[in-house]
Full PDB file with SEQRES, HELIX, SHEET, SSBOND, CRYST1, ORIGX, SCALE, CONECT and MASTER records, all heavy atoms in Angstrom:
SEQRES   1 A   39  PHE VAL VAL ASP PHE GLU GLU TYR ASN LYS ALA ASP PHE          
SEQRES   2 A   39  ASP LYS HIS LEU ILE GLY SER GLU ASN VAL LEU ASN TYR          
SEQRES   3 A   39  PHE LYS LYS SER ILE GLN SER ILE THR ASP TRP ASN GLU          
HELIX    1 AA1 LYS A   10  ASP A   12  1                                   3    
HELIX    2 AA2 PHE A   13  LEU A   17  3                                   5    
HELIX    3 AA3 GLU A   21  GLN A   32  1                                  12    
CRYST1    1.000    1.000    1.000  90.00  90.00  90.00 P 1           1          
ORIGX1      1.000000  0.000000  0.000000        0.00000                         
ORIGX2      0.000000  1.000000  0.000000        0.00000                         
ORIGX3      0.000000  0.000000  1.000000        0.00000                         
SCALE1      1.000000  0.000000  0.000000        0.00000                         
SCALE2      0.000000  1.000000  0.000000        0.00000                         
SCALE3      0.000000  0.000000  1.000000        0.00000                         
ATOM      1  N   PHE A   1      88.116  96.664 118.901  1.00  0.00           N  
ATOM      2  CA  PHE A   1      87.667  96.342 117.555  1.00  0.00           C  
ATOM      3  C   PHE A   1      86.145  96.357 117.439  1.00  0.00           C  
ATOM      4  O   PHE A   1      85.601  96.342 116.336  1.00  0.00           O  
ATOM      5  CB  PHE A   1      88.186  94.968 117.124  1.00  0.00           C  
ATOM      6  CG  PHE A   1      89.671  94.925 116.884  1.00  0.00           C  
ATOM      7  CD1 PHE A   1      90.529  94.490 117.874  1.00  0.00           C  
ATOM      8  CD2 PHE A   1      90.199  95.339 115.679  1.00  0.00           C  
ATOM      9  CE1 PHE A   1      91.894  94.451 117.656  1.00  0.00           C  
ATOM     10  CE2 PHE A   1      91.572  95.311 115.450  1.00  0.00           C  
ATOM     11  CZ  PHE A   1      92.419  94.867 116.451  1.00  0.00           C  
ATOM     12  N   VAL A   2      85.476  96.371 118.596  1.00  0.00           N  
ATOM     13  CA  VAL A   2      84.014  96.304 118.600  1.00  0.00           C  
ATOM     14  C   VAL A   2      83.393  97.598 119.116  1.00  0.00           C  
ATOM     15  O   VAL A   2      82.402  98.086 118.569  1.00  0.00           O  
ATOM     16  CB  VAL A   2      83.530  95.110 119.448  1.00  0.00           C  
ATOM     17  CG1 VAL A   2      82.007  94.966 119.361  1.00  0.00           C  
ATOM     18  CG2 VAL A   2      84.202  93.811 118.995  1.00  0.00           C  
ATOM     19  N   VAL A   3      83.969  98.167 120.162  1.00  0.00           N  
ATOM     20  CA  VAL A   3      83.459  99.416 120.731  1.00  0.00           C  
ATOM     21  C   VAL A   3      84.603 100.421 120.833  1.00  0.00           C  
ATOM     22  O   VAL A   3      85.777 100.059 120.846  1.00  0.00           O  
ATOM     23  CB  VAL A   3      82.818  99.195 122.121  1.00  0.00           C  
ATOM     24  CG1 VAL A   3      81.597  98.305 122.017  1.00  0.00           C  
ATOM     25  CG2 VAL A   3      83.831  98.596 123.102  1.00  0.00           C  
ATOM     26  N   ASP A   4      84.255 101.689 120.925  1.00  0.00           N  
ATOM     27  CA  ASP A   4      85.266 102.740 120.994  1.00  0.00           C  
ATOM     28  C   ASP A   4      86.088 102.643 122.284  1.00  0.00           C  
ATOM     29  O   ASP A   4      85.551 102.356 123.353  1.00  0.00           O  
ATOM     30  CB  ASP A   4      84.616 104.118 120.914  1.00  0.00           C  
ATOM     31  CG  ASP A   4      84.022 104.401 119.538  1.00  0.00           C  
ATOM     32  OD1 ASP A   4      84.525 103.835 118.546  1.00  0.00           O  
ATOM     33  OD2 ASP A   4      83.045 105.176 119.462  1.00  0.00           O  
ATOM     34  N   PHE A   5      87.385 102.859 122.148  1.00  0.00           N  
ATOM     35  CA  PHE A   5      88.245 102.873 123.329  1.00  0.00           C  
ATOM     36  C   PHE A   5      88.256 104.269 123.943  1.00  0.00           C  
ATOM     37  O   PHE A   5      88.038 105.266 123.254  1.00  0.00           O  
ATOM     38  CB  PHE A   5      89.672 102.422 122.985  1.00  0.00           C  
ATOM     39  CG  PHE A   5      90.353 103.221 121.903  1.00  0.00           C  
ATOM     40  CD1 PHE A   5      91.100 104.343 122.210  1.00  0.00           C  
ATOM     41  CD2 PHE A   5      90.247 102.832 120.576  1.00  0.00           C  
ATOM     42  CE1 PHE A   5      91.744 105.070 121.219  1.00  0.00           C  
ATOM     43  CE2 PHE A   5      90.873 103.570 119.568  1.00  0.00           C  
ATOM     44  CZ  PHE A   5      91.619 104.682 119.886  1.00  0.00           C  
ATOM     45  N   GLU A   6      88.485 104.331 125.246  1.00  0.00           N  
ATOM     46  CA  GLU A   6      88.373 105.592 125.979  1.00  0.00           C  
ATOM     47  C   GLU A   6      89.624 106.448 125.850  1.00  0.00           C  
ATOM     48  O   GLU A   6      89.542 107.683 125.761  1.00  0.00           O  
ATOM     49  CB  GLU A   6      88.104 105.332 127.468  1.00  0.00           C  
ATOM     50  CG  GLU A   6      86.684 104.821 127.783  1.00  0.00           C  
ATOM     51  CD  GLU A   6      86.507 103.347 127.391  1.00  0.00           C  
ATOM     52  OE1 GLU A   6      87.531 102.616 127.348  1.00  0.00           O  
ATOM     53  OE2 GLU A   6      85.361 102.906 127.130  1.00  0.00           O  
ATOM     54  N   GLU A   7      90.787 105.842 125.831  1.00  0.00           N  
ATOM     55  CA  GLU A   7      92.022 106.609 125.797  1.00  0.00           C  
ATOM     56  C   GLU A   7      93.125 105.812 125.133  1.00  0.00           C  
ATOM     57  O   GLU A   7      93.061 104.590 125.006  1.00  0.00           O  
ATOM     58  CB  GLU A   7      92.440 107.011 127.215  1.00  0.00           C  
ATOM     59  CG  GLU A   7      92.628 105.844 128.168  1.00  0.00           C  
ATOM     60  CD  GLU A   7      92.887 106.291 129.593  1.00  0.00           C  
ATOM     61  OE1 GLU A   7      92.516 107.415 129.965  1.00  0.00           O  
ATOM     62  OE2 GLU A   7      93.473 105.481 130.344  1.00  0.00           O  
ATOM     63  N   TYR A   8      94.165 106.539 124.708  1.00  0.00           N  
ATOM     64  CA  TYR A   8      95.320 105.905 124.090  1.00  0.00           C  
ATOM     65  C   TYR A   8      96.300 105.431 125.170  1.00  0.00           C  
ATOM     66  O   TYR A   8      96.388 106.020 126.251  1.00  0.00           O  
ATOM     67  CB  TYR A   8      96.057 106.893 123.172  1.00  0.00           C  
ATOM     68  CG  TYR A   8      95.223 107.430 122.038  1.00  0.00           C  
ATOM     69  CD1 TYR A   8      94.606 108.681 122.150  1.00  0.00           C  
ATOM     70  CD2 TYR A   8      95.062 106.726 120.865  1.00  0.00           C  
ATOM     71  CE1 TYR A   8      93.840 109.199 121.111  1.00  0.00           C  
ATOM     72  CE2 TYR A   8      94.301 107.234 119.816  1.00  0.00           C  
ATOM     73  CZ  TYR A   8      93.690 108.468 119.944  1.00  0.00           C  
ATOM     74  OH  TYR A   8      92.936 108.978 118.914  1.00  0.00           O  
ATOM     75  N   ASN A   9      97.030 104.387 124.837  1.00  0.00           N  
ATOM     76  CA  ASN A   9      98.176 104.044 125.676  1.00  0.00           C  
ATOM     77  C   ASN A   9      99.171 105.203 125.593  1.00  0.00           C  
ATOM     78  O   ASN A   9      99.641 105.539 124.512  1.00  0.00           O  
ATOM     79  CB  ASN A   9      98.821 102.750 125.192  1.00  0.00           C  
ATOM     80  CG  ASN A   9     100.050 102.371 125.985  1.00  0.00           C  
ATOM     81  OD1 ASN A   9     101.134 102.920 125.811  1.00  0.00           O  
ATOM     82  ND2 ASN A   9      99.896 101.384 126.860  1.00  0.00           N  
ATOM     83  N   LYS A  10      99.462 105.844 126.723  1.00  0.00           N  
ATOM     84  CA  LYS A  10     100.236 107.082 126.705  1.00  0.00           C  
ATOM     85  C   LYS A  10     101.620 106.895 126.099  1.00  0.00           C  
ATOM     86  O   LYS A  10     102.068 107.705 125.285  1.00  0.00           O  
ATOM     87  CB  LYS A  10     100.373 107.660 128.113  1.00  0.00           C  
ATOM     88  CG  LYS A  10     101.017 109.045 128.143  1.00  0.00           C  
ATOM     89  CD  LYS A  10     101.081 109.608 129.530  1.00  0.00           C  
ATOM     90  CE  LYS A  10     101.610 111.042 129.513  1.00  0.00           C  
ATOM     91  NZ  LYS A  10     102.889 111.198 128.785  1.00  0.00           N  
ATOM     92  N   ALA A  11     102.311 105.841 126.480  1.00  0.00           N  
ATOM     93  CA  ALA A  11     103.656 105.598 125.955  1.00  0.00           C  
ATOM     94  C   ALA A  11     103.619 105.392 124.450  1.00  0.00           C  
ATOM     95  O   ALA A  11     104.467 105.934 123.717  1.00  0.00           O  
ATOM     96  CB  ALA A  11     104.287 104.402 126.646  1.00  0.00           C  
ATOM     97  N   ASP A  12     102.640 104.628 123.960  1.00  0.00           N  
ATOM     98  CA  ASP A  12     102.515 104.379 122.525  1.00  0.00           C  
ATOM     99  C   ASP A  12     102.126 105.661 121.781  1.00  0.00           C  
ATOM    100  O   ASP A  12     102.603 105.910 120.673  1.00  0.00           O  
ATOM    101  CB  ASP A  12     101.477 103.290 122.261  1.00  0.00           C  
ATOM    102  CG  ASP A  12     101.952 101.910 122.704  1.00  0.00           C  
ATOM    103  OD1 ASP A  12     103.171 101.729 122.892  1.00  0.00           O  
ATOM    104  OD2 ASP A  12     101.094 101.011 122.862  1.00  0.00           O  
ATOM    105  N   PHE A  13     101.248 106.456 122.406  1.00  0.00           N  
ATOM    106  CA  PHE A  13     100.838 107.720 121.789  1.00  0.00           C  
ATOM    107  C   PHE A  13     102.042 108.641 121.603  1.00  0.00           C  
ATOM    108  O   PHE A  13     102.267 109.181 120.519  1.00  0.00           O  
ATOM    109  CB  PHE A  13      99.777 108.399 122.664  1.00  0.00           C  
ATOM    110  CG  PHE A  13      99.278 109.712 122.115  1.00  0.00           C  
ATOM    111  CD1 PHE A  13      98.157 109.752 121.292  1.00  0.00           C  
ATOM    112  CD2 PHE A  13      99.927 110.908 122.407  1.00  0.00           C  
ATOM    113  CE1 PHE A  13      97.684 110.954 120.776  1.00  0.00           C  
ATOM    114  CE2 PHE A  13      99.468 112.117 121.895  1.00  0.00           C  
ATOM    115  CZ  PHE A  13      98.344 112.142 121.080  1.00  0.00           C  
ATOM    116  N   ASP A  14     102.807 108.822 122.657  1.00  0.00           N  
ATOM    117  CA  ASP A  14     103.957 109.734 122.602  1.00  0.00           C  
ATOM    118  C   ASP A  14     105.029 109.245 121.638  1.00  0.00           C  
ATOM    119  O   ASP A  14     105.651 110.045 120.923  1.00  0.00           O  
ATOM    120  CB  ASP A  14     104.560 109.896 123.999  1.00  0.00           C  
ATOM    121  CG  ASP A  14     103.632 110.622 124.964  1.00  0.00           C  
ATOM    122  OD1 ASP A  14     102.688 111.299 124.485  1.00  0.00           O  
ATOM    123  OD2 ASP A  14     103.843 110.510 126.190  1.00  0.00           O  
ATOM    124  N   LYS A  15     105.226 107.933 121.593  1.00  0.00           N  
ATOM    125  CA  LYS A  15     106.305 107.377 120.795  1.00  0.00           C  
ATOM    126  C   LYS A  15     105.960 107.265 119.321  1.00  0.00           C  
ATOM    127  O   LYS A  15     106.816 107.504 118.452  1.00  0.00           O  
ATOM    128  CB  LYS A  15     106.709 106.006 121.338  1.00  0.00           C  
ATOM    129  CG  LYS A  15     107.914 105.390 120.649  1.00  0.00           C  
ATOM    130  CD  LYS A  15     108.300 104.073 121.306  1.00  0.00           C  
ATOM    131  CE  LYS A  15     109.523 103.450 120.637  1.00  0.00           C  
ATOM    132  NZ  LYS A  15     109.899 102.154 121.289  1.00  0.00           N  
ATOM    133  N   HIS A  16     104.725 106.912 119.003  1.00  0.00           N  
ATOM    134  CA  HIS A  16     104.374 106.558 117.632  1.00  0.00           C  
ATOM    135  C   HIS A  16     103.398 107.509 116.943  1.00  0.00           C  
ATOM    136  O   HIS A  16     103.424 107.634 115.712  1.00  0.00           O  
ATOM    137  CB  HIS A  16     103.797 105.137 117.583  1.00  0.00           C  
ATOM    138  CG  HIS A  16     104.696 104.093 118.159  1.00  0.00           C  
ATOM    139  ND1 HIS A  16     105.948 103.841 117.647  1.00  0.00           N  
ATOM    140  CD2 HIS A  16     104.526 103.236 119.201  1.00  0.00           C  
ATOM    141  CE1 HIS A  16     106.515 102.866 118.340  1.00  0.00           C  
ATOM    142  NE2 HIS A  16     105.671 102.491 119.294  1.00  0.00           N  
ATOM    143  N   LEU A  17     102.509 108.162 117.710  1.00  0.00           N  
ATOM    144  CA  LEU A  17     101.456 108.935 117.070  1.00  0.00           C  
ATOM    145  C   LEU A  17     101.864 110.391 116.838  1.00  0.00           C  
ATOM    146  O   LEU A  17     101.497 110.977 115.810  1.00  0.00           O  
ATOM    147  CB  LEU A  17     100.178 108.875 117.909  1.00  0.00           C  
ATOM    148  CG  LEU A  17      98.853 108.976 117.129  1.00  0.00           C  
ATOM    149  CD1 LEU A  17      98.807 107.974 115.991  1.00  0.00           C  
ATOM    150  CD2 LEU A  17      97.669 108.742 118.080  1.00  0.00           C  
ATOM    151  N   ILE A  18     102.615 110.956 117.765  1.00  0.00           N  
ATOM    152  CA  ILE A  18     103.079 112.331 117.595  1.00  0.00           C  
ATOM    153  C   ILE A  18     103.958 112.438 116.347  1.00  0.00           C  
ATOM    154  O   ILE A  18     104.912 111.698 116.182  1.00  0.00           O  
ATOM    155  CB  ILE A  18     103.870 112.808 118.844  1.00  0.00           C  
ATOM    156  CG1 ILE A  18     102.993 112.765 120.099  1.00  0.00           C  
ATOM    157  CG2 ILE A  18     104.428 114.207 118.611  1.00  0.00           C  
ATOM    158  CD1 ILE A  18     101.825 113.676 120.068  1.00  0.00           C  
ATOM    159  N   GLY A  19     103.624 113.345 115.466  1.00  0.00           N  
ATOM    160  CA  GLY A  19     104.403 113.543 114.248  1.00  0.00           C  
ATOM    161  C   GLY A  19     104.030 112.631 113.097  1.00  0.00           C  
ATOM    162  O   GLY A  19     104.729 112.582 112.079  1.00  0.00           O  
ATOM    163  N   SER A  20     102.919 111.922 113.223  1.00  0.00           N  
ATOM    164  CA  SER A  20     102.520 110.954 112.198  1.00  0.00           C  
ATOM    165  C   SER A  20     101.357 111.455 111.345  1.00  0.00           C  
ATOM    166  O   SER A  20     100.698 110.661 110.680  1.00  0.00           O  
ATOM    167  CB  SER A  20     102.145 109.623 112.856  1.00  0.00           C  
ATOM    168  OG  SER A  20     100.977 109.783 113.642  1.00  0.00           O  
ATOM    169  N   GLU A  21     101.095 112.773 111.362  1.00  0.00           N  
ATOM    170  CA  GLU A  21      99.936 113.303 110.665  1.00  0.00           C  
ATOM    171  C   GLU A  21      99.918 112.932 109.185  1.00  0.00           C  
ATOM    172  O   GLU A  21      98.862 112.666 108.609  1.00  0.00           O  
ATOM    173  CB  GLU A  21      99.871 114.835 110.813  1.00  0.00           C  
ATOM    174  CG  GLU A  21      99.594 115.313 112.231  1.00  0.00           C  
ATOM    175  CD  GLU A  21     100.875 115.560 113.017  1.00  0.00           C  
ATOM    176  OE1 GLU A  21     101.933 114.940 112.707  1.00  0.00           O  
ATOM    177  OE2 GLU A  21     100.818 116.389 113.952  1.00  0.00           O  
ATOM    178  N   ASN A  22     101.099 112.909 108.547  1.00  0.00           N  
ATOM    179  CA  ASN A  22     101.155 112.579 107.123  1.00  0.00           C  
ATOM    180  C   ASN A  22     100.661 111.162 106.850  1.00  0.00           C  
ATOM    181  O   ASN A  22      99.958 110.905 105.859  1.00  0.00           O  
ATOM    182  CB  ASN A  22     102.571 112.765 106.578  1.00  0.00           C  
ATOM    183  CG  ASN A  22     103.603 111.901 107.305  1.00  0.00           C  
ATOM    184  OD1 ASN A  22     103.432 111.564 108.468  1.00  0.00           O  
ATOM    185  ND2 ASN A  22     104.706 111.574 106.616  1.00  0.00           N  
ATOM    186  N   VAL A  23     100.992 110.234 107.733  1.00  0.00           N  
ATOM    187  CA  VAL A  23     100.545 108.846 107.588  1.00  0.00           C  
ATOM    188  C   VAL A  23      99.027 108.755 107.778  1.00  0.00           C  
ATOM    189  O   VAL A  23      98.322 108.112 106.987  1.00  0.00           O  
ATOM    190  CB  VAL A  23     101.265 107.932 108.605  1.00  0.00           C  
ATOM    191  CG1 VAL A  23     100.677 106.516 108.551  1.00  0.00           C  
ATOM    192  CG2 VAL A  23     102.757 107.902 108.338  1.00  0.00           C  
ATOM    193  N   LEU A  24      98.532 109.398 108.813  1.00  0.00           N  
ATOM    194  CA  LEU A  24      97.105 109.333 109.114  1.00  0.00           C  
ATOM    195  C   LEU A  24      96.277 109.966 107.993  1.00  0.00           C  
ATOM    196  O   LEU A  24      95.242 109.410 107.591  1.00  0.00           O  
ATOM    197  CB  LEU A  24      96.811 110.025 110.441  1.00  0.00           C  
ATOM    198  CG  LEU A  24      97.566 109.501 111.681  1.00  0.00           C  
ATOM    199  CD1 LEU A  24      97.083 110.223 112.935  1.00  0.00           C  
ATOM    200  CD2 LEU A  24      97.410 107.996 111.827  1.00  0.00           C  
ATOM    201  N   ASN A  25      96.710 111.091 107.493  1.00  0.00           N  
ATOM    202  CA  ASN A  25      95.973 111.761 106.419  1.00  0.00           C  
ATOM    203  C   ASN A  25      96.001 110.941 105.134  1.00  0.00           C  
ATOM    204  O   ASN A  25      95.002 110.877 104.405  1.00  0.00           O  
ATOM    205  CB  ASN A  25      96.559 113.150 106.172  1.00  0.00           C  
ATOM    206  CG  ASN A  25      96.037 114.178 107.177  1.00  0.00           C  
ATOM    207  OD1 ASN A  25      94.830 114.291 107.413  1.00  0.00           O  
ATOM    208  ND2 ASN A  25      96.961 114.941 107.780  1.00  0.00           N  
ATOM    209  N   TYR A  26      97.139 110.330 104.843  1.00  0.00           N  
ATOM    210  CA  TYR A  26      97.261 109.489 103.643  1.00  0.00           C  
ATOM    211  C   TYR A  26      96.236 108.345 103.690  1.00  0.00           C  
ATOM    212  O   TYR A  26      95.537 108.086 102.709  1.00  0.00           O  
ATOM    213  CB  TYR A  26      98.683 108.930 103.551  1.00  0.00           C  
ATOM    214  CG  TYR A  26      98.933 108.087 102.312  1.00  0.00           C  
ATOM    215  CD1 TYR A  26      99.542 108.652 101.190  1.00  0.00           C  
ATOM    216  CD2 TYR A  26      98.585 106.736 102.260  1.00  0.00           C  
ATOM    217  CE1 TYR A  26      99.778 107.890 100.040  1.00  0.00           C  
ATOM    218  CE2 TYR A  26      98.817 105.973 101.132  1.00  0.00           C  
ATOM    219  CZ  TYR A  26      99.414 106.556 100.019  1.00  0.00           C  
ATOM    220  OH  TYR A  26      99.648 105.806  98.871  1.00  0.00           O  
ATOM    221  N   PHE A  27      96.163 107.653 104.825  1.00  0.00           N  
ATOM    222  CA  PHE A  27      95.254 106.528 104.936  1.00  0.00           C  
ATOM    223  C   PHE A  27      93.797 106.975 105.007  1.00  0.00           C  
ATOM    224  O   PHE A  27      92.908 106.289 104.492  1.00  0.00           O  
ATOM    225  CB  PHE A  27      95.627 105.654 106.138  1.00  0.00           C  
ATOM    226  CG  PHE A  27      96.664 104.626 105.801  1.00  0.00           C  
ATOM    227  CD1 PHE A  27      98.001 104.957 105.821  1.00  0.00           C  
ATOM    228  CD2 PHE A  27      96.309 103.356 105.412  1.00  0.00           C  
ATOM    229  CE1 PHE A  27      98.969 104.029 105.488  1.00  0.00           C  
ATOM    230  CE2 PHE A  27      97.269 102.415 105.077  1.00  0.00           C  
ATOM    231  CZ  PHE A  27      98.604 102.749 105.102  1.00  0.00           C  
ATOM    232  N   LYS A  28      93.548 108.097 105.606  1.00  0.00           N  
ATOM    233  CA  LYS A  28      92.188 108.598 105.652  1.00  0.00           C  
ATOM    234  C   LYS A  28      91.670 108.831 104.233  1.00  0.00           C  
ATOM    235  O   LYS A  28      90.556 108.407 103.888  1.00  0.00           O  
ATOM    236  CB  LYS A  28      92.122 109.891 106.461  1.00  0.00           C  
ATOM    237  CG  LYS A  28      90.734 110.516 106.499  1.00  0.00           C  
ATOM    238  CD  LYS A  28      90.754 111.847 107.240  1.00  0.00           C  
ATOM    239  CE  LYS A  28      89.395 112.537 107.124  1.00  0.00           C  
ATOM    240  NZ  LYS A  28      89.403 113.865 107.788  1.00  0.00           N  
ATOM    241  N   LYS A  29      92.459 109.479 103.420  1.00  0.00           N  
ATOM    242  CA  LYS A  29      92.072 109.757 102.040  1.00  0.00           C  
ATOM    243  C   LYS A  29      91.903 108.460 101.248  1.00  0.00           C  
ATOM    244  O   LYS A  29      90.940 108.310 100.487  1.00  0.00           O  
ATOM    245  CB  LYS A  29      93.118 110.649 101.386  1.00  0.00           C  
ATOM    246  CG  LYS A  29      92.778 111.039  99.956  1.00  0.00           C  
ATOM    247  CD  LYS A  29      93.858 111.943  99.379  1.00  0.00           C  
ATOM    248  CE  LYS A  29      93.538 112.315  97.926  1.00  0.00           C  
ATOM    249  NZ  LYS A  29      94.595 113.196  97.345  1.00  0.00           N  
ATOM    250  N   SER A  30      92.850 107.516 101.442  1.00  0.00           N  
ATOM    251  CA  SER A  30      92.787 106.256 100.698  1.00  0.00           C  
ATOM    252  C   SER A  30      91.566 105.432 101.086  1.00  0.00           C  
ATOM    253  O   SER A  30      90.878 104.852 100.238  1.00  0.00           O  
ATOM    254  CB  SER A  30      94.060 105.435 100.944  1.00  0.00           C  
ATOM    255  OG  SER A  30      95.213 106.128 100.523  1.00  0.00           O  
ATOM    256  N   ILE A  31      91.268 105.386 102.358  1.00  0.00           N  
ATOM    257  CA  ILE A  31      90.170 104.562 102.860  1.00  0.00           C  
ATOM    258  C   ILE A  31      88.820 105.139 102.460  1.00  0.00           C  
ATOM    259  O   ILE A  31      87.879 104.397 102.156  1.00  0.00           O  
ATOM    260  CB  ILE A  31      90.299 104.392 104.384  1.00  0.00           C  
ATOM    261  CG1 ILE A  31      91.448 103.416 104.672  1.00  0.00           C  
ATOM    262  CG2 ILE A  31      88.997 103.894 105.000  1.00  0.00           C  
ATOM    263  CD1 ILE A  31      91.842 103.326 106.109  1.00  0.00           C  
ATOM    264  N   GLN A  32      88.705 106.436 102.433  1.00  0.00           N  
ATOM    265  CA  GLN A  32      87.441 107.063 102.051  1.00  0.00           C  
ATOM    266  C   GLN A  32      87.013 106.701 100.638  1.00  0.00           C  
ATOM    267  O   GLN A  32      85.821 106.710 100.317  1.00  0.00           O  
ATOM    268  CB  GLN A  32      87.541 108.582 102.206  1.00  0.00           C  
ATOM    269  CG  GLN A  32      87.486 109.045 103.659  1.00  0.00           C  
ATOM    270  CD  GLN A  32      87.669 110.547 103.797  1.00  0.00           C  
ATOM    271  OE1 GLN A  32      88.493 111.150 103.072  1.00  0.00           O  
ATOM    272  NE2 GLN A  32      86.950 111.160 104.715  1.00  0.00           N  
ATOM    273  N   SER A  33      87.975 106.373  99.792  1.00  0.00           N  
ATOM    274  CA  SER A  33      87.667 106.053  98.400  1.00  0.00           C  
ATOM    275  C   SER A  33      87.427 104.566  98.159  1.00  0.00           C  
ATOM    276  O   SER A  33      87.111 104.156  97.045  1.00  0.00           O  
ATOM    277  CB  SER A  33      88.806 106.539  97.492  1.00  0.00           C  
ATOM    278  OG  SER A  33      90.014 105.833  97.778  1.00  0.00           O  
ATOM    279  N   ILE A  34      87.587 103.725  99.199  1.00  0.00           N  
ATOM    280  CA  ILE A  34      87.460 102.275  99.057  1.00  0.00           C  
ATOM    281  C   ILE A  34      85.991 101.852  99.041  1.00  0.00           C  
ATOM    282  O   ILE A  34      85.183 102.312  99.844  1.00  0.00           O  
ATOM    283  CB  ILE A  34      88.197 101.541 100.201  1.00  0.00           C  
ATOM    284  CG1 ILE A  34      89.705 101.721 100.056  1.00  0.00           C  
ATOM    285  CG2 ILE A  34      87.851 100.052 100.203  1.00  0.00           C  
ATOM    286  CD1 ILE A  34      90.479 101.130 101.196  1.00  0.00           C  
ATOM    287  N   THR A  35      85.663 100.951  98.134  1.00  0.00           N  
ATOM    288  CA  THR A  35      84.317 100.364  98.099  1.00  0.00           C  
ATOM    289  C   THR A  35      84.343  98.872  98.485  1.00  0.00           C  
ATOM    290  O   THR A  35      83.346  98.342  98.950  1.00  0.00           O  
ATOM    291  CB  THR A  35      83.703 100.507  96.696  1.00  0.00           C  
ATOM    292  OG1 THR A  35      84.583  99.919  95.728  1.00  0.00           O  
ATOM    293  CG2 THR A  35      83.496 101.995  96.358  1.00  0.00           C  
ATOM    294  N   ASP A  36      85.489  98.240  98.256  1.00  0.00           N  
ATOM    295  CA  ASP A  36      85.634  96.811  98.548  1.00  0.00           C  
ATOM    296  C   ASP A  36      86.460  96.643  99.828  1.00  0.00           C  
ATOM    297  O   ASP A  36      87.672  96.737  99.809  1.00  0.00           O  
ATOM    298  CB  ASP A  36      86.304  96.104  97.369  1.00  0.00           C  
ATOM    299  CG  ASP A  36      86.269  94.590  97.500  1.00  0.00           C  
ATOM    300  OD1 ASP A  36      85.572  94.091  98.416  1.00  0.00           O  
ATOM    301  OD2 ASP A  36      86.938  93.903  96.704  1.00  0.00           O  
ATOM    302  N   TRP A  37      85.768  96.380 100.962  1.00  0.00           N  
ATOM    303  CA  TRP A  37      86.417  96.350 102.278  1.00  0.00           C  
ATOM    304  C   TRP A  37      86.990  94.962 102.535  1.00  0.00           C  
ATOM    305  O   TRP A  37      86.323  94.072 103.038  1.00  0.00           O  
ATOM    306  CB  TRP A  37      85.406  96.717 103.363  1.00  0.00           C  
ATOM    307  CG  TRP A  37      86.024  97.123 104.672  1.00  0.00           C  
ATOM    308  CD1 TRP A  37      86.139  96.363 105.787  1.00  0.00           C  
ATOM    309  CD2 TRP A  37      86.590  98.377 105.000  1.00  0.00           C  
ATOM    310  NE1 TRP A  37      86.754  97.053 106.792  1.00  0.00           N  
ATOM    311  CE2 TRP A  37      87.043  98.312 106.345  1.00  0.00           C  
ATOM    312  CE3 TRP A  37      86.789  99.562 104.294  1.00  0.00           C  
ATOM    313  CZ2 TRP A  37      87.662  99.384 106.985  1.00  0.00           C  
ATOM    314  CZ3 TRP A  37      87.408 100.627 104.945  1.00  0.00           C  
ATOM    315  CH2 TRP A  37      87.828 100.532 106.262  1.00  0.00           C  
ATOM    316  N   ASN A  38      88.279  94.746 102.196  1.00  0.00           N  
ATOM    317  CA  ASN A  38      88.909  93.447 102.422  1.00  0.00           C  
ATOM    318  C   ASN A  38      90.398  93.621 102.694  1.00  0.00           C  
ATOM    319  O   ASN A  38      90.996  94.666 102.412  1.00  0.00           O  
ATOM    320  CB  ASN A  38      88.687  92.494 101.240  1.00  0.00           C  
ATOM    321  CG  ASN A  38      89.272  93.005  99.952  1.00  0.00           C  
ATOM    322  OD1 ASN A  38      90.497  93.077  99.803  1.00  0.00           O  
ATOM    323  ND2 ASN A  38      88.402  93.372  99.003  1.00  0.00           N  
ATOM    324  N   GLU A  39      91.009  92.592 103.228  1.00  0.00           N  
ATOM    325  CA  GLU A  39      92.411  92.662 103.658  1.00  0.00           C  
ATOM    326  C   GLU A  39      93.380  92.828 102.487  1.00  0.00           C  
ATOM    327  O   GLU A  39      94.420  93.485 102.626  1.00  0.00           O  
ATOM    328  CB  GLU A  39      92.752  91.422 104.482  1.00  0.00           C  
ATOM    329  CG  GLU A  39      92.046  91.412 105.840  1.00  0.00           C  
ATOM    330  CD  GLU A  39      92.138  90.093 106.568  1.00  0.00           C  
ATOM    331  OE1 GLU A  39      93.138  89.867 107.238  1.00  0.00           O  
ATOM    332  OE2 GLU A  39      91.189  89.294 106.470  1.00  0.00           O  
TER     333      GLU A  39                                                      
MASTER        0    0    0    3    0    0    0    6  332    1    0    3          
END                                                                             
């Protein structure tokens, strides 16, 4: 949360990240338009 991580947890990457491009792109677009950074 403070500094960049070096690598992904391999099991989590294979299980959850592969095939998730639609989710990542959706949030990237949504976040880029945000001005009020809150929960």
